[in-house]
Amino acid sequence: MITRETVQQIQHAPIAERIQIIEVILQSLKQDISEGIRAKKRPWKPFKVRSFNLGQDIAIDRDEIYAERSL
């Protein structure tokens, strides 16, 4: 965590140094974000869709289903 003393030093630093601090922080964030994105990427895994027959068409009455749920 950053201390109050550090914050005060930054506030009293010249503008050029504060800009350098901001650039370092932004570069660090950029690196952390790119590492996070790489960690989240999962390799593409192919899949097969299998169809099956239920034997007949099924009629769905939403009102009846919601009534059973008390909605």
PDB file of N, CA and C in Angstrom:
ATOM      1  N   MET A   1       0.842  -1.171   0.000  1.00  0.00           N
ATOM      2  CA  MET A   1       0.000   0.000   0.000  1.00  0.00           C
ATOM      3  C   MET A   1       0.890   1.237   0.000  1.00  0.00           C
ATOM      4  N   ILE A   2       0.411   2.276  -0.616  1.00  0.00           N
ATOM      5  CA  ILE A   2       1.190   3.510  -0.717  1.00  0.00           C
ATOM      6  C   ILE A   2       0.974   4.353   0.543  1.00  0.00           C
ATOM      7  N   THR A   3       2.042   4.904   1.063  1.00  0.00           N
ATOM      8  CA  THR A   3       1.953   5.685   2.301  1.00  0.00           C
ATOM      9  C   THR A   3       1.633   7.144   1.991  1.00  0.00           C
ATOM     10  N   ARG A   4       1.155   7.829   3.004  1.00  0.00           N
ATOM     11  CA  ARG A   4       0.858   9.268   2.854  1.00  0.00           C
ATOM     12  C   ARG A   4       2.110  10.054   2.477  1.00  0.00           C
ATOM     13  N   GLU A   5       3.223   9.644   3.045  1.00  0.00           N
ATOM     14  CA  GLU A   5       4.484  10.322   2.753  1.00  0.00           C
ATOM     15  C   GLU A   5       4.834  10.217   1.270  1.00  0.00           C
ATOM     16  N   THR A   6       4.632   9.034   0.708  1.00  0.00           N
ATOM     17  CA  THR A   6       4.899   8.826  -0.713  1.00  0.00           C
ATOM     18  C   THR A   6       3.968   9.687  -1.557  1.00  0.00           C
ATOM     19  N   VAL A   7       2.703   9.724  -1.191  1.00  0.00           N
ATOM     20  CA  VAL A   7       1.725  10.538  -1.919  1.00  0.00           C
ATOM     21  C   VAL A   7       2.137  12.002  -1.880  1.00  0.00           C
ATOM     22  N   GLN A   8       2.566  12.486  -0.729  1.00  0.00           N
ATOM     23  CA  GLN A   8       2.991  13.885  -0.605  1.00  0.00           C
ATOM     24  C   GLN A   8       4.237  14.156  -1.449  1.00  0.00           C
ATOM     25  N   GLN A   9       5.151  13.217  -1.480  1.00  0.00           N
ATOM     26  CA  GLN A   9       6.344  13.387  -2.308  1.00  0.00           C
ATOM     27  C   GLN A   9       5.966  13.486  -3.780  1.00  0.00           C
ATOM     28  N   ILE A  10       5.031  12.638  -4.194  1.00  0.00           N
ATOM     29  CA  ILE A  10       4.583  12.664  -5.588  1.00  0.00           C
ATOM     30  C   ILE A  10       3.893  13.991  -5.896  1.00  0.00           C
ATOM     31  N   GLN A  11       3.056  14.468  -4.983  1.00  0.00           N
ATOM     32  CA  GLN A  11       2.337  15.716  -5.199  1.00  0.00           C
ATOM     33  C   GLN A  11       3.285  16.904  -5.308  1.00  0.00           C
ATOM     34  N   HIS A  12       4.415  16.856  -4.623  1.00  0.00           N
ATOM     35  CA  HIS A  12       5.349  17.970  -4.642  1.00  0.00           C
ATOM     36  C   HIS A  12       6.462  17.782  -5.678  1.00  0.00           C
ATOM     37  N   ALA A  13       6.435  16.676  -6.405  1.00  0.00           N
ATOM     38  CA  ALA A  13       7.450  16.418  -7.428  1.00  0.00           C
ATOM     39  C   ALA A  13       7.162  17.279  -8.659  1.00  0.00           C
ATOM     40  N   PRO A  14       8.187  17.550  -9.440  1.00  0.00           N
ATOM     41  CA  PRO A  14       7.971  18.300 -10.683  1.00  0.00           C
ATOM     42  C   PRO A  14       7.062  17.531 -11.653  1.00  0.00           C
ATOM     43  N   ILE A  15       6.436  18.291 -12.529  1.00  0.00           N
ATOM     44  CA  ILE A  15       5.464  17.686 -13.464  1.00  0.00           C
ATOM     45  C   ILE A  15       6.109  16.584 -14.301  1.00  0.00           C
ATOM     46  N   ALA A  16       7.320  16.797 -14.774  1.00  0.00           N
ATOM     47  CA  ALA A  16       7.986  15.793 -15.613  1.00  0.00           C
ATOM     48  C   ALA A  16       8.138  14.465 -14.865  1.00  0.00           C
ATOM     49  N   GLU A  17       8.490  14.539 -13.592  1.00  0.00           N
ATOM     50  CA  GLU A  17       8.641  13.306 -12.805  1.00  0.00           C
ATOM     51  C   GLU A  17       7.292  12.638 -12.567  1.00  0.00           C
ATOM     52  N   ARG A  18       6.264  13.433 -12.331  1.00  0.00           N
ATOM     53  CA  ARG A  18       4.925  12.843 -12.141  1.00  0.00           C
ATOM     54  C   ARG A  18       4.455  12.152 -13.404  1.00  0.00           C
ATOM     55  N   ILE A  19       4.759  12.742 -14.553  1.00  0.00           N
ATOM     56  CA  ILE A  19       4.381  12.113 -15.824  1.00  0.00           C
ATOM     57  C   ILE A  19       5.126  10.792 -15.983  1.00  0.00           C
ATOM     58  N   GLN A  20       6.394  10.761 -15.609  1.00  0.00           N
ATOM     59  CA  GLN A  20       7.158   9.511 -15.677  1.00  0.00           C
ATOM     60  C   GLN A  20       6.543   8.451 -14.762  1.00  0.00           C
ATOM     61  N   ILE A  21       6.126   8.860 -13.581  1.00  0.00           N
ATOM     62  CA  ILE A  21       5.484   7.923 -12.645  1.00  0.00           C
ATOM     63  C   ILE A  21       4.214   7.365 -13.258  1.00  0.00           C
ATOM     64  N   ILE A  22       3.417   8.228 -13.868  1.00  0.00           N
ATOM     65  CA  ILE A  22       2.171   7.782 -14.512  1.00  0.00           C
ATOM     66  C   ILE A  22       2.486   6.801 -15.639  1.00  0.00           C
ATOM     67  N   GLU A  23       3.509   7.092 -16.436  1.00  0.00           N
ATOM     68  CA  GLU A  23       3.881   6.197 -17.533  1.00  0.00           C
ATOM     69  C   GLU A  23       4.299   4.821 -17.015  1.00  0.00           C
ATOM     70  N   VAL A  24       5.048   4.796 -15.926  1.00  0.00           N
ATOM     71  CA  VAL A  24       5.474   3.515 -15.345  1.00  0.00           C
ATOM     72  C   VAL A  24       4.262   2.737 -14.843  1.00  0.00           C
ATOM     73  N   ILE A  25       3.338   3.417 -14.180  1.00  0.00           N
ATOM     74  CA  ILE A  25       2.138   2.750 -13.668  1.00  0.00           C
ATOM     75  C   ILE A  25       1.295   2.219 -14.821  1.00  0.00           C
ATOM     76  N   LEU A  26       1.109   3.025 -15.863  1.00  0.00           N
ATOM     77  CA  LEU A  26       0.316   2.577 -17.009  1.00  0.00           C
ATOM     78  C   LEU A  26       0.969   1.397 -17.720  1.00  0.00           C
ATOM     79  N   GLN A  27       2.285   1.417 -17.847  1.00  0.00           N
ATOM     80  CA  GLN A  27       2.988   0.292 -18.464  1.00  0.00           C
ATOM     81  C   GLN A  27       2.798  -0.978 -17.639  1.00  0.00           C
ATOM     82  N   SER A  28       2.850  -0.838 -16.328  1.00  0.00           N
ATOM     83  CA  SER A  28       2.634  -1.976 -15.436  1.00  0.00           C
ATOM     84  C   SER A  28       1.221  -2.524 -15.587  1.00  0.00           C
ATOM     85  N   LEU A  29       0.245  -1.628 -15.653  1.00  0.00           N
ATOM     86  CA  LEU A  29      -1.143  -2.058 -15.844  1.00  0.00           C
ATOM     87  C   LEU A  29      -1.323  -2.759 -17.184  1.00  0.00           C
ATOM     88  N   LYS A  30      -0.731  -2.203 -18.225  1.00  0.00           N
ATOM     89  CA  LYS A  30      -0.825  -2.801 -19.558  1.00  0.00           C
ATOM     90  C   LYS A  30      -0.277  -4.229 -19.542  1.00  0.00           C
ATOM     91  N   GLN A  31       0.850  -4.416 -18.886  1.00  0.00           N
ATOM     92  CA  GLN A  31       1.452  -5.745 -18.798  1.00  0.00           C
ATOM     93  C   GLN A  31       0.555  -6.700 -18.004  1.00  0.00           C
ATOM     94  N   ASP A  32       0.027  -6.237 -16.871  1.00  0.00           N
ATOM     95  CA  ASP A  32      -0.849  -7.085 -16.051  1.00  0.00           C
ATOM     96  C   ASP A  32      -2.115  -7.472 -16.804  1.00  0.00           C
ATOM     97  N   ILE A  33      -2.679  -6.527 -17.554  1.00  0.00           N
ATOM     98  CA  ILE A  33      -3.893  -6.809 -18.318  1.00  0.00           C
ATOM     99  C   ILE A  33      -3.610  -7.831 -19.409  1.00  0.00           C
ATOM    100  N   SER A  34      -2.512  -7.671 -20.131  1.00  0.00           N
ATOM    101  CA  SER A  34      -2.202  -8.618 -21.206  1.00  0.00           C
ATOM    102  C   SER A  34      -1.925 -10.012 -20.650  1.00  0.00           C
ATOM    103  N   GLU A  35      -1.291 -10.102 -19.488  1.00  0.00           N
ATOM    104  CA  GLU A  35      -1.063 -11.409 -18.860  1.00  0.00           C
ATOM    105  C   GLU A  35      -2.382 -12.037 -18.429  1.00  0.00           C
ATOM    106  N   GLY A  36      -3.296 -11.210 -17.931  1.00  0.00           N
ATOM    107  CA  GLY A  36      -4.612 -11.714 -17.526  1.00  0.00           C
ATOM    108  C   GLY A  36      -5.399 -12.236 -18.708  1.00  0.00           C
ATOM    109  N   ILE A  37      -5.314 -11.540 -19.842  1.00  0.00           N
ATOM    110  CA  ILE A  37      -6.030 -11.971 -21.041  1.00  0.00           C
ATOM    111  C   ILE A  37      -5.449 -13.283 -21.544  1.00  0.00           C
ATOM    112  N   ARG A  38      -4.118 -13.394 -21.545  1.00  0.00           N
ATOM    113  CA  ARG A  38      -3.496 -14.642 -21.987  1.00  0.00           C
ATOM    114  C   ARG A  38      -3.874 -15.806 -21.080  1.00  0.00           C
ATOM    115  N   ALA A  39      -3.990 -15.544 -19.789  1.00  0.00           N
ATOM    116  CA  ALA A  39      -4.340 -16.607 -18.849  1.00  0.00           C
ATOM    117  C   ALA A  39      -5.777 -17.067 -19.046  1.00  0.00           C
ATOM    118  N   LYS A  40      -6.657 -16.159 -19.469  1.00  0.00           N
ATOM    119  CA  LYS A  40      -8.064 -16.512 -19.655  1.00  0.00           C
ATOM    120  C   LYS A  40      -8.329 -17.241 -20.958  1.00  0.00           C
ATOM    121  N   LYS A  41      -7.473 -17.051 -21.954  1.00  0.00           N
ATOM    122  CA  LYS A  41      -7.701 -17.700 -23.241  1.00  0.00           C
ATOM    123  C   LYS A  41      -7.559 -19.209 -23.081  1.00  0.00           C
ATOM    124  N   ARG A  42      -8.564 -19.894 -23.527  1.00  0.00           N
ATOM    125  CA  ARG A  42      -8.524 -21.359 -23.482  1.00  0.00           C
ATOM    126  C   ARG A  42      -8.401 -21.869 -24.909  1.00  0.00           C
ATOM    127  N   PRO A  43      -7.699 -22.938 -25.074  1.00  0.00           N
ATOM    128  CA  PRO A  43      -7.581 -23.471 -26.430  1.00  0.00           C
ATOM    129  C   PRO A  43      -8.948 -23.915 -26.949  1.00  0.00           C
ATOM    130  N   TRP A  44      -9.180 -23.681 -28.224  1.00  0.00           N
ATOM    131  CA  TRP A  44     -10.448 -24.050 -28.843  1.00  0.00           C
ATOM    132  C   TRP A  44     -10.554 -25.558 -28.883  1.00  0.00           C
ATOM    133  N   LYS A  45     -11.677 -26.069 -28.421  1.00  0.00           N
ATOM    134  CA  LYS A  45     -11.875 -27.501 -28.367  1.00  0.00           C
ATOM    135  C   LYS A  45     -13.099 -27.849 -29.220  1.00  0.00           C
ATOM    136  N   PRO A  46     -12.919 -28.624 -30.270  1.00  0.00           N
ATOM    137  CA  PRO A  46     -14.066 -28.964 -31.127  1.00  0.00           C
ATOM    138  C   PRO A  46     -15.037 -29.882 -30.394  1.00  0.00           C
ATOM    139  N   PHE A  47     -16.277 -29.832 -30.812  1.00  0.00           N
ATOM    140  CA  PHE A  47     -17.280 -30.697 -30.217  1.00  0.00           C
ATOM    141  C   PHE A  47     -18.220 -31.205 -31.306  1.00  0.00           C
ATOM    142  N   LYS A  48     -18.897 -32.298 -31.013  1.00  0.00           N
ATOM    143  CA  LYS A  48     -19.860 -32.878 -31.948  1.00  0.00           C
ATOM    144  C   LYS A  48     -21.259 -32.669 -31.407  1.00  0.00           C
ATOM    145  N   VAL A  49     -22.162 -32.361 -32.305  1.00  0.00           N
ATOM    146  CA  VAL A  49     -23.568 -32.212 -31.934  1.00  0.00           C
ATOM    147  C   VAL A  49     -24.258 -33.505 -32.327  1.00  0.00           C
ATOM    148  N   ARG A  50     -24.859 -34.123 -31.338  1.00  0.00           N
ATOM    149  CA  ARG A  50     -25.578 -35.364 -31.606  1.00  0.00           C
ATOM    150  C   ARG A  50     -27.073 -35.098 -31.528  1.00  0.00           C
ATOM    151  N   SER A  51     -27.780 -35.522 -32.541  1.00  0.00           N
ATOM    152  CA  SER A  51     -29.238 -35.361 -32.513  1.00  0.00           C
ATOM    153  C   SER A  51     -29.865 -36.671 -32.054  1.00  0.00           C
ATOM    154  N   PHE A  52     -31.003 -36.558 -31.434  1.00  0.00           N
ATOM    155  CA  PHE A  52     -31.718 -37.750 -31.007  1.00  0.00           C
ATOM    156  C   PHE A  52     -33.210 -37.477 -31.104  1.00  0.00           C
ATOM    157  N   ASN A  53     -33.958 -38.537 -31.174  1.00  0.00           N
ATOM    158  CA  ASN A  53     -35.396 -38.455 -31.378  1.00  0.00           C
ATOM    159  C   ASN A  53     -36.098 -38.777 -30.059  1.00  0.00           C
ATOM    160  N   LEU A  54     -36.975 -37.881 -29.626  1.00  0.00           N
ATOM    161  CA  LEU A  54     -37.733 -38.121 -28.407  1.00  0.00           C
ATOM    162  C   LEU A  54     -38.976 -38.979 -28.664  1.00  0.00           C
ATOM    163  N   GLY A  55     -39.221 -39.274 -29.908  1.00  0.00           N
ATOM    164  CA  GLY A  55     -40.354 -40.124 -30.237  1.00  0.00           C
ATOM    165  C   GLY A  55     -41.563 -39.342 -30.720  1.00  0.00           C
ATOM    166  N   GLN A  56     -41.767 -38.175 -30.210  1.00  0.00           N
ATOM    167  CA  GLN A  56     -42.904 -37.355 -30.632  1.00  0.00           C
ATOM    168  C   GLN A  56     -42.642 -35.900 -30.258  1.00  0.00           C
ATOM    169  N   ASP A  57     -43.449 -35.015 -30.821  1.00  0.00           N
ATOM    170  CA  ASP A  57     -43.333 -33.605 -30.456  1.00  0.00           C
ATOM    171  C   ASP A  57     -43.860 -33.400 -29.050  1.00  0.00           C
ATOM    172  N   ILE A  58     -43.210 -32.536 -28.321  1.00  0.00           N
ATOM    173  CA  ILE A  58     -43.620 -32.236 -26.955  1.00  0.00           C
ATOM    174  C   ILE A  58     -44.179 -30.826 -26.921  1.00  0.00           C
ATOM    175  N   ALA A  59     -45.429 -30.705 -26.504  1.00  0.00           N
ATOM    176  CA  ALA A  59     -46.059 -29.390 -26.400  1.00  0.00           C
ATOM    177  C   ALA A  59     -45.751 -28.813 -25.021  1.00  0.00           C
ATOM    178  N   ILE A  60     -45.269 -27.584 -25.001  1.00  0.00           N
ATOM    179  CA  ILE A  60     -44.907 -26.948 -23.744  1.00  0.00           C
ATOM    180  C   ILE A  60     -45.855 -25.787 -23.490  1.00  0.00           C
ATOM    181  N   ASP A  61     -46.499 -25.811 -22.345  1.00  0.00           N
ATOM    182  CA  ASP A  61     -47.398 -24.737 -21.958  1.00  0.00           C
ATOM    183  C   ASP A  61     -46.697 -23.912 -20.879  1.00  0.00           C
ATOM    184  N   ARG A  62     -46.181 -22.750 -21.268  1.00  0.00           N
ATOM    185  CA  ARG A  62     -45.435 -21.925 -20.320  1.00  0.00           C
ATOM    186  C   ARG A  62     -46.283 -21.478 -19.140  1.00  0.00           C
ATOM    187  N   ASP A  63     -47.522 -21.141 -19.396  1.00  0.00           N
ATOM    188  CA  ASP A  63     -48.394 -20.705 -18.301  1.00  0.00           C
ATOM    189  C   ASP A  63     -48.508 -21.777 -17.231  1.00  0.00           C
ATOM    190  N   GLU A  64     -48.630 -23.024 -17.660  1.00  0.00           N
ATOM    191  CA  GLU A  64     -48.744 -24.138 -16.713  1.00  0.00           C
ATOM    192  C   GLU A  64     -47.442 -24.320 -15.934  1.00  0.00           C
ATOM    193  N   ILE A  65     -46.307 -24.199 -16.615  1.00  0.00           N
ATOM    194  CA  ILE A  65     -45.017 -24.355 -15.934  1.00  0.00           C
ATOM    195  C   ILE A  65     -44.828 -23.247 -14.911  1.00  0.00           C
ATOM    196  N   TYR A  66     -45.132 -21.999 -15.296  1.00  0.00           N
ATOM    197  CA  TYR A  66     -44.975 -20.887 -14.350  1.00  0.00           C
ATOM    198  C   TYR A  66     -45.948 -20.991 -13.203  1.00  0.00           C
ATOM    199  N   ALA A  67     -47.136 -21.510 -13.453  1.00  0.00           N
ATOM    200  CA  ALA A  67     -48.114 -21.678 -12.371  1.00  0.00           C
ATOM    201  C   ALA A  67     -47.612 -22.694 -11.355  1.00  0.00           C
ATOM    202  N   GLU A  68     -46.920 -23.720 -11.829  1.00  0.00           N
ATOM    203  CA  GLU A  68     -46.367 -24.717 -10.904  1.00  0.00           C
ATOM    204  C   GLU A  68     -45.249 -24.112 -10.050  1.00  0.00           C
ATOM    205  N   ARG A  69     -44.557 -23.120 -10.592  1.00  0.00           N
ATOM    206  CA  ARG A  69     -43.467 -22.464  -9.851  1.00  0.00           C
ATOM    207  C   ARG A  69     -43.970 -21.326  -8.975  1.00  0.00           C
ATOM    208  N   SER A  70     -45.228 -21.050  -9.044  1.00  0.00           N
ATOM    209  CA  SER A  70     -45.859 -19.948  -8.296  1.00  0.00           C
ATOM    210  C   SER A  70     -45.302 -18.590  -8.716  1.00  0.00           C
ATOM    211  N   LEU A  71     -45.091 -18.413 -10.004  1.00  0.00           N
ATOM    212  CA  LEU A  71     -44.569 -17.123 -10.514  1.00  0.00           C
ATOM    213  C   LEU A  71     -45.665 -16.314 -11.146  1.00  0.00           C
TER     214      LEU A  71
END
